[in-house]
């Protein structure tokens, strides 16, 4: 079975409810995980906005989390990942930073990665550091996308 990521709050490709936005409740939507490889030692989650390239000049990073327990089958709404490590978002904050498109509807990617090891990264590291550290250790990936409009 392939790694799967879904949310009970929105379907793949559908609108993310307003309350998950940065200027609203700014809490992460609940996520459900299935098909974690037996060999997985940890999971990583990256939430970003590729549509921010035009207004911001870059893909905007909204949440970076690694060393998530591979036995975790759910990430609850407003999760405080005390047993995992969070990185710095493009808001300059650690933790979840919700959608906040400045111009039009954007598509947000929730990318879950199963890894064959835990990662030795300092808290507050950025997405680029995480991605570089994951090279050669990815067992499987899952993608969930949702849209959000101003």
N, C-alpha and C. Protein backbone atom coordinates (compact mmCIF):
# COMPACT_ATOMS: atom_id res chain seq x y z
N UNK A 1 0.84 -1.19 0.00
CA UNK A 1 0.00 0.00 0.00
C UNK A 1 0.88 1.25 0.00
N UNK A 2 0.56 2.19 -0.82
CA UNK A 2 1.32 3.44 -0.92
C UNK A 2 0.95 4.38 0.23
N UNK A 3 1.87 5.23 0.58
CA UNK A 3 1.64 6.23 1.61
C UNK A 3 0.52 7.17 1.15
N UNK A 4 -0.41 7.46 2.06
CA UNK A 4 -1.54 8.34 1.74
C UNK A 4 -1.68 9.41 2.81
N UNK A 5 -2.06 10.61 2.37
CA UNK A 5 -2.34 11.72 3.27
C UNK A 5 -3.66 12.34 2.84
N UNK A 6 -4.57 12.49 3.81
CA UNK A 6 -5.86 13.12 3.52
C UNK A 6 -6.29 13.92 4.74
N UNK A 7 -7.35 14.69 4.56
CA UNK A 7 -7.88 15.48 5.66
C UNK A 7 -9.40 15.33 5.72
N UNK A 8 -9.96 15.17 6.92
CA UNK A 8 -11.41 15.17 7.04
C UNK A 8 -12.00 16.57 6.87
N UNK A 9 -11.14 17.60 6.84
CA UNK A 9 -11.61 18.98 6.71
C UNK A 9 -11.80 19.42 5.26
N UNK A 10 -11.10 18.78 4.32
CA UNK A 10 -11.23 19.14 2.90
C UNK A 10 -10.73 17.98 2.04
N UNK A 11 -11.30 17.87 0.85
CA UNK A 11 -10.89 16.86 -0.11
C UNK A 11 -9.71 17.37 -0.93
N UNK A 12 -8.93 16.45 -1.49
CA UNK A 12 -7.81 16.81 -2.34
C UNK A 12 -8.28 17.74 -3.47
N UNK A 13 -7.63 18.87 -3.61
CA UNK A 13 -7.95 19.84 -4.66
C UNK A 13 -9.09 20.78 -4.33
N UNK A 14 -9.71 20.60 -3.19
CA UNK A 14 -10.86 21.41 -2.79
C UNK A 14 -10.43 22.54 -1.83
N UNK A 15 -11.32 23.50 -1.55
CA UNK A 15 -10.99 24.61 -0.66
C UNK A 15 -10.69 24.17 0.78
N UNK A 16 -9.67 24.76 1.35
CA UNK A 16 -9.33 24.59 2.76
C UNK A 16 -10.25 25.53 3.54
N UNK A 17 -10.94 25.05 4.57
CA UNK A 17 -11.83 25.94 5.33
C UNK A 17 -11.10 27.18 5.87
N UNK A 18 -11.82 28.30 5.87
CA UNK A 18 -11.25 29.59 6.25
C UNK A 18 -10.53 29.57 7.59
N UNK A 19 -11.05 28.82 8.57
CA UNK A 19 -10.48 28.88 9.91
C UNK A 19 -9.02 28.47 9.98
N UNK A 20 -8.52 27.76 8.96
CA UNK A 20 -7.13 27.32 8.96
C UNK A 20 -6.19 28.39 8.41
N UNK A 21 -6.74 29.53 7.98
CA UNK A 21 -5.94 30.62 7.43
C UNK A 21 -5.16 31.37 8.50
N UNK A 22 -4.10 32.03 8.05
CA UNK A 22 -3.19 32.75 8.94
C UNK A 22 -3.88 33.87 9.70
N UNK A 23 -4.82 34.56 9.06
CA UNK A 23 -5.51 35.67 9.72
C UNK A 23 -6.81 35.23 10.40
N UNK A 24 -7.07 33.93 10.41
CA UNK A 24 -8.24 33.37 11.08
C UNK A 24 -7.76 32.67 12.36
N UNK A 25 -8.16 31.43 12.60
CA UNK A 25 -7.72 30.70 13.80
C UNK A 25 -6.24 30.30 13.70
N UNK A 26 -5.72 30.20 12.48
CA UNK A 26 -4.32 29.85 12.23
C UNK A 26 -3.91 28.57 12.94
N UNK A 27 -4.73 27.54 12.80
CA UNK A 27 -4.40 26.22 13.30
C UNK A 27 -4.39 25.26 12.12
N UNK A 28 -3.55 24.22 12.23
CA UNK A 28 -3.47 23.27 11.13
C UNK A 28 -4.74 22.45 11.02
N UNK A 29 -5.11 22.08 9.80
CA UNK A 29 -6.26 21.18 9.63
C UNK A 29 -5.87 19.77 10.11
N UNK A 30 -6.85 18.97 10.50
CA UNK A 30 -6.55 17.59 10.86
C UNK A 30 -6.11 16.82 9.63
N UNK A 31 -5.20 15.89 9.84
CA UNK A 31 -4.68 15.07 8.75
C UNK A 31 -4.74 13.61 9.15
N UNK A 32 -4.96 12.75 8.16
CA UNK A 32 -4.99 11.31 8.37
C UNK A 32 -3.93 10.67 7.49
N UNK A 33 -3.19 9.74 8.06
CA UNK A 33 -2.07 9.08 7.38
C UNK A 33 -2.35 7.59 7.28
N UNK A 34 -2.04 7.04 6.11
CA UNK A 34 -2.24 5.60 5.90
C UNK A 34 -1.10 5.09 5.02
N UNK A 35 -0.81 3.81 5.14
CA UNK A 35 0.18 3.18 4.26
C UNK A 35 1.62 3.52 4.59
N UNK A 36 1.92 3.77 5.86
CA UNK A 36 3.29 4.10 6.26
C UNK A 36 4.16 2.85 6.05
N UNK A 37 5.27 2.98 5.33
CA UNK A 37 6.14 1.82 5.09
C UNK A 37 6.64 1.22 6.41
N UNK A 38 6.74 -0.08 6.47
CA UNK A 38 7.21 -0.78 7.67
C UNK A 38 8.61 -0.31 8.05
N UNK A 39 9.44 -0.02 7.07
CA UNK A 39 10.83 0.38 7.34
C UNK A 39 10.98 1.84 7.77
N UNK A 40 9.88 2.59 7.81
CA UNK A 40 9.97 4.01 8.16
C UNK A 40 10.43 4.19 9.60
N UNK A 41 11.39 5.07 9.79
CA UNK A 41 11.89 5.43 11.12
C UNK A 41 11.33 6.77 11.57
N UNK A 42 10.89 7.58 10.60
CA UNK A 42 10.29 8.88 10.92
C UNK A 42 9.50 9.39 9.72
N UNK A 43 8.70 10.43 9.97
CA UNK A 43 7.94 11.11 8.92
C UNK A 43 8.31 12.59 8.96
N UNK A 44 8.18 13.23 7.82
CA UNK A 44 8.36 14.68 7.73
C UNK A 44 7.16 15.25 6.98
N UNK A 45 6.78 16.47 7.36
CA UNK A 45 5.65 17.14 6.73
C UNK A 45 6.07 18.54 6.33
N UNK A 46 5.80 18.87 5.07
CA UNK A 46 6.10 20.20 4.53
C UNK A 46 4.81 20.75 3.93
N UNK A 47 4.43 21.95 4.35
CA UNK A 47 3.27 22.63 3.78
C UNK A 47 3.78 23.90 3.13
N UNK A 48 3.51 24.05 1.84
CA UNK A 48 3.98 25.25 1.15
C UNK A 48 2.99 25.71 0.09
N UNK A 49 3.30 26.86 -0.49
CA UNK A 49 2.43 27.53 -1.46
C UNK A 49 3.24 27.86 -2.70
N UNK A 50 3.19 27.00 -3.74
CA UNK A 50 3.93 27.29 -4.96
C UNK A 50 3.38 28.48 -5.74
N UNK A 51 2.11 28.83 -5.51
CA UNK A 51 1.51 29.97 -6.21
C UNK A 51 2.00 31.31 -5.67
N UNK A 52 2.76 31.28 -4.59
CA UNK A 52 3.32 32.52 -4.03
C UNK A 52 4.51 33.02 -4.86
N UNK A 53 4.94 32.23 -5.82
CA UNK A 53 6.11 32.60 -6.63
C UNK A 53 5.95 33.99 -7.25
N UNK A 54 4.78 34.27 -7.80
CA UNK A 54 4.60 35.57 -8.45
C UNK A 54 4.54 36.71 -7.44
N UNK A 55 3.67 36.67 -6.42
CA UNK A 55 3.63 37.82 -5.51
C UNK A 55 4.83 37.91 -4.56
N UNK A 56 5.37 36.77 -4.14
CA UNK A 56 6.45 36.80 -3.14
C UNK A 56 7.83 36.52 -3.73
N UNK A 57 7.87 36.03 -4.96
CA UNK A 57 9.15 35.72 -5.58
C UNK A 57 9.74 34.40 -5.14
N UNK A 58 8.96 33.59 -4.44
CA UNK A 58 9.44 32.30 -3.96
C UNK A 58 8.26 31.42 -3.58
N UNK A 59 8.51 30.13 -3.43
CA UNK A 59 7.52 29.23 -2.87
C UNK A 59 7.49 29.52 -1.37
N UNK A 60 6.32 29.82 -0.84
CA UNK A 60 6.18 30.24 0.56
C UNK A 60 6.00 29.01 1.45
N UNK A 61 6.84 28.90 2.46
CA UNK A 61 6.79 27.76 3.38
C UNK A 61 5.89 28.08 4.56
N UNK A 62 4.89 27.21 4.79
CA UNK A 62 3.89 27.43 5.83
C UNK A 62 4.05 26.53 7.05
N UNK A 63 4.70 25.39 6.89
CA UNK A 63 4.90 24.49 8.03
C UNK A 63 5.96 23.49 7.66
N UNK A 64 6.91 23.26 8.55
CA UNK A 64 7.99 22.32 8.34
C UNK A 64 8.13 21.52 9.65
N UNK A 65 7.87 20.21 9.58
CA UNK A 65 7.93 19.35 10.77
C UNK A 65 8.65 18.06 10.39
N UNK A 66 9.55 17.60 11.27
CA UNK A 66 10.24 16.34 10.99
C UNK A 66 10.39 15.54 12.28
N UNK A 67 10.87 14.30 12.11
CA UNK A 67 10.99 13.32 13.19
C UNK A 67 9.63 13.04 13.84
N UNK A 68 8.60 13.01 12.98
CA UNK A 68 7.27 12.59 13.42
C UNK A 68 7.29 11.08 13.57
N UNK A 69 6.72 10.58 14.64
CA UNK A 69 6.67 9.14 14.92
C UNK A 69 5.99 8.42 13.75
N UNK A 70 6.64 7.38 13.20
CA UNK A 70 6.04 6.67 12.06
C UNK A 70 4.81 5.85 12.43
N UNK A 71 4.50 5.73 13.70
CA UNK A 71 3.28 5.04 14.12
C UNK A 71 2.07 5.98 14.15
N UNK A 72 2.32 7.26 13.92
CA UNK A 72 1.23 8.25 13.99
C UNK A 72 0.34 8.10 12.76
N UNK A 73 -0.94 7.91 13.00
CA UNK A 73 -1.90 7.76 11.90
C UNK A 73 -2.77 9.00 11.73
N UNK A 74 -2.68 9.93 12.69
CA UNK A 74 -3.45 11.17 12.61
C UNK A 74 -2.62 12.33 13.15
N UNK A 75 -2.81 13.47 12.53
CA UNK A 75 -2.30 14.72 13.07
C UNK A 75 -3.54 15.54 13.39
N UNK A 76 -3.81 15.77 14.67
CA UNK A 76 -5.05 16.45 15.03
C UNK A 76 -5.02 17.93 14.66
N UNK A 77 -6.20 18.51 14.57
CA UNK A 77 -6.30 19.95 14.37
C UNK A 77 -5.58 20.66 15.52
N UNK A 78 -4.90 21.76 15.19
CA UNK A 78 -4.17 22.56 16.18
C UNK A 78 -3.12 21.72 16.92
N UNK A 79 -2.44 20.84 16.19
CA UNK A 79 -1.45 19.93 16.76
C UNK A 79 -0.26 20.68 17.32
N UNK A 80 0.15 20.31 18.51
CA UNK A 80 1.38 20.80 19.12
C UNK A 80 2.35 19.63 19.14
N UNK A 81 3.23 19.54 18.14
CA UNK A 81 4.07 18.35 17.98
C UNK A 81 5.24 18.29 18.98
N UNK A 82 4.93 17.98 20.23
CA UNK A 82 5.98 17.94 21.25
C UNK A 82 6.99 16.83 21.03
N UNK A 83 6.60 15.75 20.35
CA UNK A 83 7.51 14.64 20.11
C UNK A 83 8.17 14.73 18.73
N UNK A 84 7.91 15.80 18.00
CA UNK A 84 8.54 16.02 16.69
C UNK A 84 9.22 17.39 16.75
N UNK A 85 9.87 17.77 15.67
CA UNK A 85 10.61 19.03 15.63
C UNK A 85 10.05 19.91 14.52
N UNK A 86 9.82 21.19 14.84
CA UNK A 86 9.30 22.14 13.86
C UNK A 86 10.39 23.09 13.40
N UNK A 87 10.28 23.47 12.12
CA UNK A 87 11.21 24.42 11.54
C UNK A 87 10.60 25.80 11.41
N UNK A 88 11.38 26.69 10.84
CA UNK A 88 10.97 28.08 10.66
C UNK A 88 10.24 28.23 9.32
N UNK A 89 9.11 28.92 9.36
CA UNK A 89 8.33 29.19 8.16
C UNK A 89 8.80 30.50 7.53
N UNK A 90 8.21 30.83 6.39
CA UNK A 90 8.53 32.12 5.76
C UNK A 90 7.85 33.29 6.45
N UNK A 91 7.05 33.02 7.48
CA UNK A 91 6.55 34.09 8.34
C UNK A 91 7.60 34.46 9.39
N UNK A 92 8.72 33.69 9.42
CA UNK A 92 9.76 33.91 10.42
C UNK A 92 9.40 33.31 11.76
N UNK A 93 8.47 32.36 11.76
CA UNK A 93 7.98 31.74 12.99
C UNK A 93 8.17 30.23 12.91
N UNK A 94 8.21 29.57 14.07
CA UNK A 94 8.15 28.11 14.06
C UNK A 94 6.69 27.72 14.26
N UNK A 95 6.35 26.53 13.81
CA UNK A 95 4.97 26.08 13.91
C UNK A 95 4.21 26.36 12.63
N UNK A 96 2.95 26.02 12.67
CA UNK A 96 2.07 26.18 11.51
C UNK A 96 1.76 27.64 11.26
N UNK A 97 1.85 28.05 10.01
CA UNK A 97 1.43 29.37 9.56
C UNK A 97 0.47 29.17 8.41
N UNK A 98 -0.78 29.44 8.62
CA UNK A 98 -1.83 29.12 7.66
C UNK A 98 -1.78 29.90 6.36
N UNK A 99 -2.63 29.50 5.42
CA UNK A 99 -2.73 30.18 4.13
C UNK A 99 -3.08 31.66 4.31
N UNK A 100 -2.48 32.48 3.44
CA UNK A 100 -2.73 33.93 3.48
C UNK A 100 -2.40 34.52 2.12
N UNK A 101 -3.06 34.07 1.05
CA UNK A 101 -2.70 34.56 -0.28
C UNK A 101 -2.99 36.05 -0.42
N UNK A 102 -2.04 36.81 -0.97
CA UNK A 102 -2.21 38.25 -1.08
C UNK A 102 -2.99 38.72 -2.30
N UNK A 103 -3.19 37.82 -3.28
CA UNK A 103 -3.70 38.29 -4.56
C UNK A 103 -4.90 37.53 -5.12
N UNK A 104 -4.93 36.23 -4.94
CA UNK A 104 -5.94 35.40 -5.58
C UNK A 104 -5.93 34.04 -4.90
N UNK A 105 -6.78 33.12 -5.38
CA UNK A 105 -6.77 31.77 -4.86
C UNK A 105 -5.42 31.10 -5.12
N UNK A 106 -4.87 30.46 -4.11
CA UNK A 106 -3.62 29.71 -4.25
C UNK A 106 -3.87 28.25 -3.90
N UNK A 107 -3.01 27.38 -4.42
CA UNK A 107 -3.02 25.97 -4.08
C UNK A 107 -1.92 25.72 -3.06
N UNK A 108 -2.29 25.03 -1.99
CA UNK A 108 -1.35 24.71 -0.91
C UNK A 108 -1.07 23.22 -0.92
N UNK A 109 0.23 22.89 -0.80
CA UNK A 109 0.66 21.49 -0.83
C UNK A 109 1.00 21.01 0.58
N UNK A 110 0.42 19.89 0.96
CA UNK A 110 0.76 19.19 2.20
C UNK A 110 1.52 17.95 1.76
N UNK A 111 2.82 17.93 1.96
CA UNK A 111 3.67 16.84 1.48
C UNK A 111 4.18 16.04 2.67
N UNK A 112 3.82 14.77 2.71
CA UNK A 112 4.26 13.88 3.78
C UNK A 112 5.32 12.95 3.22
N UNK A 113 6.42 12.80 3.94
CA UNK A 113 7.53 11.98 3.48
C UNK A 113 7.86 10.93 4.55
N UNK A 114 7.93 9.67 4.15
CA UNK A 114 8.37 8.59 5.03
C UNK A 114 9.87 8.41 4.83
N UNK A 115 10.61 8.37 5.94
CA UNK A 115 12.07 8.32 5.89
C UNK A 115 12.60 7.07 6.58
N UNK A 116 13.77 6.63 6.14
CA UNK A 116 14.37 5.43 6.72
C UNK A 116 15.23 5.73 7.96
N UNK A 117 15.17 6.96 8.45
CA UNK A 117 15.92 7.34 9.65
C UNK A 117 15.30 8.59 10.27
N UNK A 118 15.69 8.88 11.49
CA UNK A 118 15.34 10.17 12.07
C UNK A 118 16.40 11.16 11.60
N UNK A 119 16.06 12.42 11.61
CA UNK A 119 16.95 13.44 11.05
C UNK A 119 17.61 14.25 12.16
N UNK A 120 18.88 14.54 11.94
CA UNK A 120 19.65 15.32 12.89
C UNK A 120 19.68 16.78 12.42
N UNK A 121 18.59 17.47 12.71
CA UNK A 121 18.45 18.88 12.35
C UNK A 121 18.06 19.66 13.60
N UNK A 122 18.58 20.85 13.74
CA UNK A 122 18.24 21.70 14.87
C UNK A 122 16.82 22.23 14.73
N UNK A 123 16.09 22.39 15.83
CA UNK A 123 14.79 23.05 15.76
C UNK A 123 14.93 24.42 15.11
N UNK A 124 13.95 24.77 14.31
CA UNK A 124 13.99 26.05 13.62
C UNK A 124 14.65 26.01 12.26
N UNK A 125 15.17 24.84 11.84
CA UNK A 125 15.78 24.74 10.51
C UNK A 125 14.72 25.07 9.46
N UNK A 126 15.16 25.39 8.28
CA UNK A 126 14.25 25.77 7.19
C UNK A 126 14.01 24.59 6.26
N UNK A 127 13.02 24.75 5.37
CA UNK A 127 12.64 23.68 4.44
C UNK A 127 13.83 23.20 3.62
N UNK A 128 14.65 24.10 3.14
CA UNK A 128 15.80 23.70 2.33
C UNK A 128 16.75 22.79 3.08
N UNK A 129 16.96 23.07 4.37
CA UNK A 129 17.81 22.22 5.20
C UNK A 129 17.18 20.83 5.35
N UNK A 130 15.88 20.81 5.59
CA UNK A 130 15.17 19.55 5.73
C UNK A 130 15.26 18.74 4.45
N UNK A 131 14.97 19.36 3.33
CA UNK A 131 15.01 18.64 2.05
C UNK A 131 16.41 18.10 1.76
N UNK A 132 17.44 18.87 2.06
CA UNK A 132 18.81 18.41 1.82
C UNK A 132 19.15 17.20 2.71
N UNK A 133 18.67 17.23 3.94
CA UNK A 133 18.94 16.14 4.87
C UNK A 133 18.18 14.87 4.52
N UNK A 134 17.04 15.01 3.85
CA UNK A 134 16.22 13.85 3.48
C UNK A 134 16.78 13.09 2.27
N UNK A 135 17.64 13.72 1.49
CA UNK A 135 18.14 13.09 0.26
C UNK A 135 18.75 11.71 0.57
N UNK A 136 18.31 10.71 -0.17
CA UNK A 136 18.80 9.35 0.00
C UNK A 136 18.11 8.57 1.10
N UNK A 137 17.14 9.18 1.78
CA UNK A 137 16.47 8.52 2.90
C UNK A 137 14.95 8.42 2.72
N UNK A 138 14.44 8.82 1.57
CA UNK A 138 13.00 8.83 1.31
C UNK A 138 12.52 7.44 0.91
N UNK A 139 11.55 6.92 1.66
CA UNK A 139 10.95 5.63 1.33
C UNK A 139 9.69 5.79 0.48
N UNK A 140 8.91 6.84 0.79
CA UNK A 140 7.68 7.08 0.06
C UNK A 140 7.22 8.50 0.36
N UNK A 141 6.35 9.03 -0.50
CA UNK A 141 5.80 10.38 -0.31
C UNK A 141 4.32 10.37 -0.64
N UNK A 142 3.59 11.28 0.00
CA UNK A 142 2.18 11.47 -0.29
C UNK A 142 1.92 12.96 -0.37
N UNK A 143 0.95 13.34 -1.21
CA UNK A 143 0.64 14.74 -1.42
C UNK A 143 -0.85 14.97 -1.28
N UNK A 144 -1.19 16.00 -0.51
CA UNK A 144 -2.56 16.47 -0.39
C UNK A 144 -2.54 17.95 -0.75
N UNK A 145 -3.42 18.36 -1.65
CA UNK A 145 -3.49 19.76 -2.04
C UNK A 145 -4.86 20.33 -1.72
N UNK A 146 -4.86 21.60 -1.32
CA UNK A 146 -6.10 22.32 -1.08
C UNK A 146 -5.93 23.74 -1.54
N UNK A 147 -7.04 24.41 -1.79
CA UNK A 147 -6.99 25.80 -2.25
C UNK A 147 -7.47 26.73 -1.14
N UNK A 148 -7.05 27.99 -1.25
CA UNK A 148 -7.47 29.01 -0.28
C UNK A 148 -7.47 30.35 -1.00
N UNK A 149 -8.53 31.10 -0.83
CA UNK A 149 -8.65 32.40 -1.49
C UNK A 149 -8.75 33.51 -0.45
N UNK A 150 -8.25 34.71 -0.78
CA UNK A 150 -8.33 35.83 0.18
C UNK A 150 -9.77 36.25 0.43
